[in-house]
């Protein structure tokens, strides 16, 4: 019975470890899909998000702004919402790559270097991809903004994994 349990554990680890990269592949697909949107469609989507944020703030603060005022404030934050979208996308990508690599025992500076290089190269390729989309174009500034999300994602995921390893999993691995 003990050998069967060990066999099942090893088999599950063997199968599940490679599957831990599926979220990263999904996020990469999502980034590619969003970059393939024409410029007007992409701007329209982020404007709708800006307008929703302003509307929610209006409701929470009970300002009772009219439609023109809501549109004015949505226009003010639209640029920042678009750039925050870059940071969030690449934060998620970096976190979804960092976590499985941490499980594969890649840690410290090597983890930062490998994941950072992979994600920055993906960001560069994404910007190059946008040069083929109507109404869009490549931007080195966007790669810089993406890098903020990338390195924030790497460092925060590495911190969470480290804390989890020291507080949750260390007591579980001790022989009693």
N, C-alpha and C. Protein backbone atom coordinates (compact mmCIF):
# COMPACT_ATOMS: atom_id res chain seq x y z
N UNK A 1 0.82 -1.19 0.00
CA UNK A 1 0.00 0.00 0.00
C UNK A 1 0.87 1.26 0.00
N UNK A 2 1.94 1.23 0.78
CA UNK A 2 2.85 2.38 0.86
C UNK A 2 3.48 2.65 -0.50
N UNK A 3 3.88 1.59 -1.21
CA UNK A 3 4.52 1.75 -2.52
C UNK A 3 3.54 2.27 -3.56
N UNK A 4 2.30 1.86 -3.45
CA UNK A 4 1.27 2.33 -4.37
C UNK A 4 1.04 3.83 -4.17
N UNK A 5 0.98 4.26 -2.91
CA UNK A 5 0.81 5.68 -2.62
C UNK A 5 1.99 6.49 -3.16
N UNK A 6 3.21 6.02 -2.96
CA UNK A 6 4.39 6.72 -3.48
C UNK A 6 4.36 6.76 -5.01
N UNK A 7 3.93 5.67 -5.61
CA UNK A 7 3.85 5.62 -7.08
C UNK A 7 2.83 6.65 -7.59
N UNK A 8 1.69 6.73 -6.94
CA UNK A 8 0.65 7.68 -7.34
C UNK A 8 1.15 9.11 -7.14
N UNK A 9 1.83 9.38 -6.03
CA UNK A 9 2.36 10.72 -5.78
C UNK A 9 3.37 11.12 -6.85
N UNK A 10 4.28 10.22 -7.18
CA UNK A 10 5.29 10.53 -8.20
C UNK A 10 4.65 10.73 -9.56
N UNK A 11 3.67 9.91 -9.87
CA UNK A 11 2.99 10.03 -11.16
C UNK A 11 2.25 11.36 -11.25
N UNK A 12 1.56 11.74 -10.17
CA UNK A 12 0.86 13.02 -10.17
C UNK A 12 1.82 14.19 -10.30
N UNK A 13 2.92 14.14 -9.58
CA UNK A 13 3.93 15.20 -9.70
C UNK A 13 4.47 15.28 -11.12
N UNK A 14 4.73 14.12 -11.70
CA UNK A 14 5.26 14.06 -13.06
C UNK A 14 4.28 14.67 -14.06
N UNK A 15 3.00 14.44 -13.84
CA UNK A 15 1.98 14.96 -14.76
C UNK A 15 1.61 16.41 -14.47
N UNK A 16 1.52 16.77 -13.19
CA UNK A 16 1.03 18.10 -12.83
C UNK A 16 2.07 19.21 -12.97
N UNK A 17 3.34 18.89 -12.80
CA UNK A 17 4.35 19.94 -12.91
C UNK A 17 4.32 20.63 -14.28
N UNK A 18 4.33 19.88 -15.39
CA UNK A 18 4.27 20.58 -16.69
C UNK A 18 2.95 21.34 -16.89
N UNK A 19 1.87 20.84 -16.30
CA UNK A 19 0.58 21.52 -16.43
C UNK A 19 0.54 22.84 -15.67
N UNK A 20 1.51 23.07 -14.78
CA UNK A 20 1.54 24.31 -14.03
C UNK A 20 1.85 25.51 -14.92
N UNK A 21 2.27 25.26 -16.16
CA UNK A 21 2.55 26.35 -17.09
C UNK A 21 1.32 26.72 -17.93
N UNK A 22 0.22 26.00 -17.77
CA UNK A 22 -1.00 26.28 -18.54
C UNK A 22 -1.53 27.69 -18.27
N UNK A 23 -1.58 28.17 -17.02
CA UNK A 23 -2.04 29.55 -16.81
C UNK A 23 -1.18 30.58 -17.56
N UNK A 24 0.13 30.36 -17.60
CA UNK A 24 1.00 31.29 -18.32
C UNK A 24 0.67 31.28 -19.81
N UNK A 25 0.43 30.11 -20.37
CA UNK A 25 0.06 30.01 -21.78
C UNK A 25 -1.26 30.71 -22.05
N UNK A 26 -2.21 30.58 -21.13
CA UNK A 26 -3.50 31.26 -21.28
C UNK A 26 -3.34 32.78 -21.24
N UNK A 27 -2.51 33.27 -20.34
CA UNK A 27 -2.29 34.72 -20.24
C UNK A 27 -1.56 35.22 -21.47
N UNK A 28 -0.61 34.45 -21.99
CA UNK A 28 0.08 34.85 -23.21
C UNK A 28 -0.91 34.93 -24.37
N UNK A 29 -1.82 33.97 -24.45
CA UNK A 29 -2.84 34.01 -25.49
C UNK A 29 -3.72 35.25 -25.33
N UNK A 30 -4.13 35.55 -24.09
CA UNK A 30 -4.97 36.71 -23.83
C UNK A 30 -4.26 38.01 -24.26
N UNK A 31 -2.98 38.13 -23.93
CA UNK A 31 -2.21 39.32 -24.33
C UNK A 31 -2.16 39.40 -25.85
N UNK A 32 -1.89 38.29 -26.52
CA UNK A 32 -1.82 38.27 -27.98
C UNK A 32 -3.18 38.66 -28.57
N UNK A 33 -4.25 38.11 -28.00
CA UNK A 33 -5.61 38.40 -28.49
C UNK A 33 -5.93 39.88 -28.35
N UNK A 34 -5.60 40.46 -27.20
CA UNK A 34 -5.90 41.87 -26.98
C UNK A 34 -5.04 42.77 -27.86
N UNK A 35 -3.83 42.34 -28.16
CA UNK A 35 -2.97 43.12 -29.04
C UNK A 35 -3.41 43.04 -30.49
N UNK A 36 -4.16 42.01 -30.83
CA UNK A 36 -4.64 41.85 -32.20
C UNK A 36 -5.88 42.69 -32.48
N UNK A 37 -6.45 43.31 -31.45
CA UNK A 37 -7.60 44.19 -31.66
C UNK A 37 -7.14 45.45 -32.38
N UNK A 38 -7.97 45.94 -33.29
CA UNK A 38 -7.66 47.19 -33.97
C UNK A 38 -7.60 48.32 -32.94
N UNK A 39 -6.92 49.39 -33.30
CA UNK A 39 -6.72 50.50 -32.38
C UNK A 39 -8.01 51.08 -31.84
N UNK A 40 -9.03 51.23 -32.70
CA UNK A 40 -10.29 51.81 -32.25
C UNK A 40 -11.01 50.88 -31.27
N UNK A 41 -10.97 49.58 -31.54
CA UNK A 41 -11.63 48.62 -30.64
C UNK A 41 -10.94 48.58 -29.29
N UNK A 42 -9.62 48.61 -29.30
CA UNK A 42 -8.85 48.59 -28.05
C UNK A 42 -9.10 49.86 -27.24
N UNK A 43 -9.08 51.01 -27.92
CA UNK A 43 -9.33 52.28 -27.23
C UNK A 43 -10.75 52.33 -26.69
N UNK A 44 -11.69 51.80 -27.44
CA UNK A 44 -13.09 51.78 -26.99
C UNK A 44 -13.25 50.93 -25.73
N UNK A 45 -12.59 49.78 -25.70
CA UNK A 45 -12.67 48.90 -24.53
C UNK A 45 -12.11 49.58 -23.29
N UNK A 46 -10.93 50.19 -23.43
CA UNK A 46 -10.33 50.84 -22.25
C UNK A 46 -11.11 52.10 -21.85
N UNK A 47 -11.75 52.76 -22.82
CA UNK A 47 -12.57 53.92 -22.48
C UNK A 47 -13.80 53.48 -21.68
N UNK A 48 -14.40 52.34 -22.07
CA UNK A 48 -15.55 51.82 -21.32
C UNK A 48 -15.15 51.51 -19.88
N UNK A 49 -13.97 50.96 -19.70
CA UNK A 49 -13.48 50.67 -18.35
C UNK A 49 -13.27 51.98 -17.58
N UNK A 50 -12.70 52.98 -18.24
CA UNK A 50 -12.49 54.28 -17.60
C UNK A 50 -13.82 54.89 -17.18
N UNK A 51 -14.80 54.80 -18.05
CA UNK A 51 -16.12 55.36 -17.75
C UNK A 51 -16.78 54.61 -16.59
N UNK A 52 -16.62 53.30 -16.54
CA UNK A 52 -17.16 52.53 -15.42
C UNK A 52 -16.50 52.93 -14.10
N UNK A 53 -15.17 53.11 -14.14
CA UNK A 53 -14.46 53.53 -12.92
C UNK A 53 -14.94 54.88 -12.43
N UNK A 54 -15.10 55.83 -13.36
CA UNK A 54 -15.57 57.16 -12.99
C UNK A 54 -17.00 57.09 -12.46
N UNK A 55 -17.83 56.27 -13.10
CA UNK A 55 -19.21 56.12 -12.65
C UNK A 55 -19.27 55.52 -11.24
N UNK A 56 -18.45 54.51 -11.00
CA UNK A 56 -18.41 53.90 -9.65
C UNK A 56 -17.93 54.92 -8.61
N UNK A 57 -16.92 55.71 -8.96
CA UNK A 57 -16.43 56.73 -8.04
C UNK A 57 -17.51 57.77 -7.78
N UNK A 58 -18.26 58.11 -8.82
CA UNK A 58 -19.36 59.07 -8.67
C UNK A 58 -20.41 58.55 -7.71
N UNK A 59 -20.74 57.27 -7.85
CA UNK A 59 -21.74 56.67 -6.96
C UNK A 59 -21.22 56.60 -5.52
N UNK A 60 -19.97 56.16 -5.36
CA UNK A 60 -19.41 56.04 -4.01
C UNK A 60 -19.27 57.39 -3.32
N UNK A 61 -18.87 58.40 -4.08
CA UNK A 61 -18.65 59.73 -3.49
C UNK A 61 -19.92 60.58 -3.48
N UNK A 62 -20.99 60.06 -4.11
CA UNK A 62 -22.30 60.73 -4.16
C UNK A 62 -22.18 62.15 -4.71
N UNK A 63 -21.47 62.27 -5.84
CA UNK A 63 -21.29 63.57 -6.48
C UNK A 63 -22.42 63.91 -7.45
N UNK A 64 -23.10 62.88 -7.96
CA UNK A 64 -24.20 63.05 -8.91
C UNK A 64 -23.78 63.88 -10.12
N UNK A 65 -22.71 63.44 -10.78
CA UNK A 65 -22.22 64.12 -11.98
C UNK A 65 -23.12 63.80 -13.17
N UNK A 66 -23.21 64.76 -14.11
CA UNK A 66 -23.98 64.47 -15.31
C UNK A 66 -23.11 63.73 -16.33
N UNK A 67 -23.71 63.33 -17.44
CA UNK A 67 -23.02 62.48 -18.43
C UNK A 67 -21.79 63.18 -19.00
N UNK A 68 -21.88 64.48 -19.25
CA UNK A 68 -20.74 65.22 -19.80
C UNK A 68 -19.57 65.26 -18.82
N UNK A 69 -19.87 65.44 -17.55
CA UNK A 69 -18.82 65.46 -16.53
C UNK A 69 -18.19 64.08 -16.38
N UNK A 70 -19.02 63.02 -16.42
CA UNK A 70 -18.49 61.66 -16.36
C UNK A 70 -17.56 61.40 -17.55
N UNK A 71 -17.97 61.83 -18.73
CA UNK A 71 -17.15 61.65 -19.93
C UNK A 71 -15.85 62.44 -19.81
N UNK A 72 -15.91 63.63 -19.26
CA UNK A 72 -14.71 64.45 -19.09
C UNK A 72 -13.69 63.75 -18.19
N UNK A 73 -14.17 63.25 -17.04
CA UNK A 73 -13.27 62.56 -16.12
C UNK A 73 -12.77 61.23 -16.68
N UNK A 74 -13.62 60.56 -17.44
CA UNK A 74 -13.20 59.32 -18.09
C UNK A 74 -12.08 59.61 -19.09
N UNK A 75 -12.21 60.72 -19.82
CA UNK A 75 -11.14 61.11 -20.75
C UNK A 75 -9.84 61.41 -20.01
N UNK A 76 -9.94 62.01 -18.83
CA UNK A 76 -8.76 62.34 -18.04
C UNK A 76 -7.97 61.10 -17.61
N UNK A 77 -8.68 60.05 -17.25
CA UNK A 77 -7.98 58.86 -16.74
C UNK A 77 -7.77 57.78 -17.79
N UNK A 78 -8.31 57.98 -18.99
CA UNK A 78 -8.26 56.94 -20.03
C UNK A 78 -6.83 56.47 -20.31
N UNK A 79 -5.90 57.38 -20.47
CA UNK A 79 -4.50 57.03 -20.76
C UNK A 79 -3.93 56.15 -19.64
N UNK A 80 -4.19 56.53 -18.40
CA UNK A 80 -3.64 55.81 -17.26
C UNK A 80 -4.28 54.43 -17.10
N UNK A 81 -5.54 54.32 -17.44
CA UNK A 81 -6.21 53.02 -17.40
C UNK A 81 -5.58 52.08 -18.44
N UNK A 82 -5.29 52.61 -19.63
CA UNK A 82 -4.66 51.79 -20.67
C UNK A 82 -3.29 51.29 -20.20
N UNK A 83 -2.51 52.16 -19.61
CA UNK A 83 -1.17 51.78 -19.17
C UNK A 83 -1.23 50.85 -17.96
N UNK A 84 -2.22 51.06 -17.09
CA UNK A 84 -2.40 50.15 -15.96
C UNK A 84 -2.77 48.76 -16.46
N UNK A 85 -3.49 48.70 -17.57
CA UNK A 85 -3.81 47.41 -18.19
C UNK A 85 -2.55 46.66 -18.59
N UNK A 86 -1.57 47.39 -19.13
CA UNK A 86 -0.28 46.77 -19.47
C UNK A 86 0.39 46.19 -18.23
N UNK A 87 0.43 46.99 -17.17
CA UNK A 87 1.08 46.55 -15.93
C UNK A 87 0.40 45.30 -15.38
N UNK A 88 -0.92 45.30 -15.37
CA UNK A 88 -1.66 44.16 -14.81
C UNK A 88 -1.46 42.90 -15.66
N UNK A 89 -1.53 43.04 -16.99
CA UNK A 89 -1.33 41.88 -17.87
C UNK A 89 0.03 41.23 -17.64
N UNK A 90 1.05 42.05 -17.60
CA UNK A 90 2.40 41.50 -17.48
C UNK A 90 2.75 41.09 -16.05
N UNK A 91 2.09 41.70 -15.07
CA UNK A 91 2.21 41.22 -13.69
C UNK A 91 1.70 39.78 -13.63
N UNK A 92 0.52 39.57 -14.21
CA UNK A 92 -0.09 38.23 -14.21
C UNK A 92 0.77 37.23 -14.97
N UNK A 93 1.33 37.65 -16.10
CA UNK A 93 2.18 36.76 -16.88
C UNK A 93 3.42 36.37 -16.07
N UNK A 94 4.09 37.36 -15.49
CA UNK A 94 5.30 37.08 -14.72
C UNK A 94 5.00 36.19 -13.52
N UNK A 95 3.89 36.45 -12.84
CA UNK A 95 3.53 35.63 -11.68
C UNK A 95 3.23 34.20 -12.11
N UNK A 96 2.55 34.04 -13.25
CA UNK A 96 2.17 32.69 -13.69
C UNK A 96 3.37 31.91 -14.25
N UNK A 97 4.45 32.59 -14.54
CA UNK A 97 5.67 31.89 -14.96
C UNK A 97 6.58 31.67 -13.75
N UNK A 98 6.64 32.64 -12.87
CA UNK A 98 7.50 32.55 -11.70
C UNK A 98 7.12 31.40 -10.78
N UNK A 99 5.83 31.25 -10.54
CA UNK A 99 5.37 30.23 -9.58
C UNK A 99 5.79 28.81 -9.99
N UNK A 100 5.54 28.37 -11.22
CA UNK A 100 5.98 27.01 -11.58
C UNK A 100 7.51 26.86 -11.58
N UNK A 101 8.21 27.92 -12.00
CA UNK A 101 9.67 27.83 -11.99
C UNK A 101 10.20 27.72 -10.56
N UNK A 102 9.53 28.38 -9.64
CA UNK A 102 9.90 28.27 -8.23
C UNK A 102 9.72 26.84 -7.75
N UNK A 103 8.63 26.22 -8.20
CA UNK A 103 8.37 24.82 -7.85
C UNK A 103 9.46 23.92 -8.43
N UNK A 104 9.95 24.27 -9.62
CA UNK A 104 11.04 23.51 -10.24
C UNK A 104 12.40 23.85 -9.62
N UNK A 105 12.39 24.60 -8.53
CA UNK A 105 13.57 24.96 -7.74
C UNK A 105 14.51 25.96 -8.42
N UNK A 106 13.97 26.78 -9.28
CA UNK A 106 14.74 27.90 -9.82
C UNK A 106 14.42 29.08 -8.92
N UNK A 107 15.44 29.60 -8.23
CA UNK A 107 15.19 30.63 -7.23
C UNK A 107 16.24 31.73 -7.31
N UNK A 108 15.97 32.79 -6.57
CA UNK A 108 16.92 33.88 -6.45
C UNK A 108 17.10 34.66 -7.74
N UNK A 109 18.33 35.08 -7.96
CA UNK A 109 18.64 35.93 -9.11
C UNK A 109 18.41 35.21 -10.43
N UNK A 110 18.67 33.90 -10.46
CA UNK A 110 18.43 33.14 -11.70
C UNK A 110 16.96 33.18 -12.09
N UNK A 111 16.09 33.08 -11.11
CA UNK A 111 14.65 33.15 -11.37
C UNK A 111 14.26 34.52 -11.92
N UNK A 112 14.76 35.56 -11.30
CA UNK A 112 14.48 36.93 -11.75
C UNK A 112 15.00 37.13 -13.16
N UNK A 113 16.21 36.69 -13.40
CA UNK A 113 16.83 36.87 -14.72
C UNK A 113 16.09 36.09 -15.80
N UNK A 114 15.80 34.82 -15.56
CA UNK A 114 15.16 33.99 -16.57
C UNK A 114 13.73 34.46 -16.86
N UNK A 115 12.93 34.62 -15.81
CA UNK A 115 11.55 35.03 -16.01
C UNK A 115 11.48 36.45 -16.57
N UNK A 116 12.32 37.33 -16.06
CA UNK A 116 12.34 38.70 -16.56
C UNK A 116 12.71 38.76 -18.03
N UNK A 117 13.74 38.03 -18.42
CA UNK A 117 14.15 38.03 -19.82
C UNK A 117 13.05 37.45 -20.71
N UNK A 118 12.45 36.35 -20.28
CA UNK A 118 11.38 35.73 -21.07
C UNK A 118 10.22 36.70 -21.27
N UNK A 119 9.78 37.32 -20.18
CA UNK A 119 8.62 38.22 -20.26
C UNK A 119 8.92 39.49 -21.05
N UNK A 120 10.12 40.05 -20.89
CA UNK A 120 10.48 41.25 -21.64
C UNK A 120 10.58 40.93 -23.13
N UNK A 121 11.14 39.78 -23.46
CA UNK A 121 11.19 39.37 -24.87
C UNK A 121 9.77 39.19 -25.41
N UNK A 122 8.89 38.59 -24.61
CA UNK A 122 7.49 38.44 -25.03
C UNK A 122 6.85 39.81 -25.23
N UNK A 123 7.14 40.77 -24.35
CA UNK A 123 6.60 42.13 -24.48
C UNK A 123 7.10 42.79 -25.77
N UNK A 124 8.37 42.59 -26.08
CA UNK A 124 8.93 43.14 -27.32
C UNK A 124 8.26 42.52 -28.55
N UNK A 125 8.08 41.21 -28.51
CA UNK A 125 7.41 40.53 -29.62
C UNK A 125 5.96 40.98 -29.74
N UNK A 126 5.33 41.23 -28.62
CA UNK A 126 3.95 41.72 -28.63
C UNK A 126 3.87 43.10 -29.28
N UNK A 127 4.80 43.96 -28.95
CA UNK A 127 4.83 45.29 -29.58
C UNK A 127 5.11 45.18 -31.07
N UNK A 128 5.99 44.27 -31.45
CA UNK A 128 6.26 44.05 -32.88
C UNK A 128 4.99 43.54 -33.57
N UNK A 129 4.28 42.64 -32.91
CA UNK A 129 3.02 42.12 -33.44
C UNK A 129 2.03 43.26 -33.68
N UNK A 130 2.01 44.24 -32.80
CA UNK A 130 1.08 45.36 -32.95
C UNK A 130 1.37 46.21 -34.18
N UNK A 131 2.59 46.13 -34.69
CA UNK A 131 2.91 46.92 -35.89
C UNK A 131 2.17 46.42 -37.12
N UNK A 132 1.60 45.23 -37.04
CA UNK A 132 0.84 44.66 -38.16
C UNK A 132 -0.67 44.85 -37.99
N UNK A 133 -1.09 45.47 -36.89
CA UNK A 133 -2.51 45.64 -36.59
C UNK A 133 -2.92 47.08 -36.94
N UNK A 134 -4.06 47.21 -37.61
CA UNK A 134 -4.55 48.53 -38.02
C UNK A 134 -4.80 49.42 -36.80
N UNK A 135 -4.29 50.64 -36.88
CA UNK A 135 -4.51 51.60 -35.80
C UNK A 135 -3.63 51.41 -34.58
N UNK A 136 -2.69 50.48 -34.67
CA UNK A 136 -1.79 50.21 -33.54
C UNK A 136 -0.36 50.36 -34.03
N UNK A 137 0.55 50.46 -33.11
CA UNK A 137 1.96 50.54 -33.47
C UNK A 137 2.83 50.12 -32.31
N UNK A 138 4.08 49.77 -32.59
CA UNK A 138 4.98 49.37 -31.52
C UNK A 138 5.42 50.58 -30.69
N UNK A 139 5.68 50.33 -29.41
CA UNK A 139 6.11 51.40 -28.53
C UNK A 139 7.10 50.86 -27.51
N UNK A 140 8.29 51.43 -27.51
CA UNK A 140 9.30 51.04 -26.52
C UNK A 140 8.84 51.46 -25.12
N UNK A 141 8.11 52.57 -25.07
CA UNK A 141 7.57 53.04 -23.79
C UNK A 141 6.65 51.98 -23.17
N UNK A 142 5.84 51.32 -24.01
CA UNK A 142 4.95 50.27 -23.50
C UNK A 142 5.74 49.09 -22.97
N UNK A 143 6.87 48.77 -23.60
CA UNK A 143 7.71 47.67 -23.08
C UNK A 143 8.25 48.06 -21.70
N UNK A 144 8.61 49.33 -21.53
CA UNK A 144 9.05 49.80 -20.22
C UNK A 144 7.94 49.70 -19.18
N UNK A 145 6.74 50.07 -19.57
CA UNK A 145 5.59 49.96 -18.65
C UNK A 145 5.30 48.49 -18.35
N UNK A 146 5.39 47.63 -19.37
CA UNK A 146 5.21 46.19 -19.17
C UNK A 146 6.24 45.66 -18.18
N UNK A 147 7.46 46.18 -18.26
CA UNK A 147 8.54 45.72 -17.39
C UNK A 147 8.27 46.03 -15.92
N UNK A 148 7.55 47.12 -15.66
CA UNK A 148 7.16 47.42 -14.28
C UNK A 148 6.29 46.30 -13.75
N UNK A 149 5.30 45.88 -14.55
CA UNK A 149 4.45 44.77 -14.16
C UNK A 149 5.21 43.47 -14.04
N UNK A 150 6.15 43.25 -14.96
CA UNK A 150 6.93 42.01 -14.97
C UNK A 150 7.73 41.86 -13.68
N UNK A 151 8.52 42.87 -13.35
CA UNK A 151 9.39 42.73 -12.19
C UNK A 151 8.62 42.82 -10.87
N UNK A 152 7.50 43.54 -10.87
CA UNK A 152 6.63 43.52 -9.68
C UNK A 152 6.04 42.13 -9.49
N UNK A 153 5.62 41.51 -10.59
CA UNK A 153 5.04 40.16 -10.53
C UNK A 153 6.06 39.13 -10.07
N UNK A 154 7.27 39.24 -10.60
CA UNK A 154 8.31 38.28 -10.22
C UNK A 154 8.64 38.40 -8.73
N UNK A 155 8.90 39.62 -8.30
CA UNK A 155 9.32 39.82 -6.91
C UNK A 155 8.22 39.49 -5.91
N UNK A 156 6.99 39.89 -6.21
CA UNK A 156 5.92 39.59 -5.25
C UNK A 156 5.60 38.09 -5.22
N UNK A 157 5.65 37.42 -6.37
CA UNK A 157 5.41 35.97 -6.38
C UNK A 157 6.53 35.24 -5.66
N UNK A 158 7.75 35.69 -5.88
CA UNK A 158 8.88 35.06 -5.21
C UNK A 158 8.76 35.25 -3.69
N UNK A 159 8.31 36.41 -3.26
CA UNK A 159 8.12 36.67 -1.84
C UNK A 159 7.03 35.79 -1.25
N UNK A 160 5.90 35.68 -1.96
CA UNK A 160 4.80 34.84 -1.48
C UNK A 160 5.23 33.37 -1.42
N UNK A 161 5.94 32.91 -2.44
CA UNK A 161 6.42 31.52 -2.45
C UNK A 161 7.40 31.27 -1.30
N UNK A 162 8.29 32.22 -1.07
CA UNK A 162 9.27 32.08 0.02
C UNK A 162 8.56 32.02 1.37
N UNK A 163 7.62 32.93 1.59
CA UNK A 163 6.89 32.94 2.86
C UNK A 163 6.11 31.65 3.03
N UNK A 164 5.47 31.19 1.97
CA UNK A 164 4.72 29.93 2.03
C UNK A 164 5.61 28.75 2.32
N UNK A 165 6.79 28.75 1.70
CA UNK A 165 7.73 27.64 1.92
C UNK A 165 8.22 27.62 3.36
N UNK A 166 8.45 28.79 3.93
CA UNK A 166 8.99 28.86 5.29
C UNK A 166 7.91 28.67 6.36
N UNK A 167 6.68 29.10 6.09
CA UNK A 167 5.66 29.05 7.13
C UNK A 167 4.69 27.88 6.99
N UNK A 168 4.30 27.55 5.78
CA UNK A 168 3.29 26.52 5.59
C UNK A 168 3.91 25.16 5.32
N UNK A 169 4.83 25.11 4.36
CA UNK A 169 5.34 23.82 3.92
C UNK A 169 6.50 23.28 4.74
N UNK A 170 7.26 24.15 5.41
CA UNK A 170 8.37 23.68 6.24
C UNK A 170 7.88 22.78 7.39
N UNK A 171 6.85 23.17 8.12
CA UNK A 171 6.37 22.27 9.19
C UNK A 171 5.83 20.95 8.64
N UNK A 172 5.27 20.97 7.44
CA UNK A 172 4.72 19.76 6.86
C UNK A 172 5.80 18.76 6.45
N UNK A 173 6.98 19.30 6.10
CA UNK A 173 8.03 18.40 5.62
C UNK A 173 8.90 17.84 6.75
N UNK A 174 8.77 18.37 7.96
CA UNK A 174 9.55 17.86 9.08
C UNK A 174 9.04 16.51 9.52
N UNK A 175 9.96 15.61 9.76
CA UNK A 175 9.62 14.28 10.24
C UNK A 175 9.33 14.35 11.72
N UNK A 176 8.21 13.78 12.14
CA UNK A 176 7.90 13.78 13.58
C UNK A 176 7.99 12.41 14.16
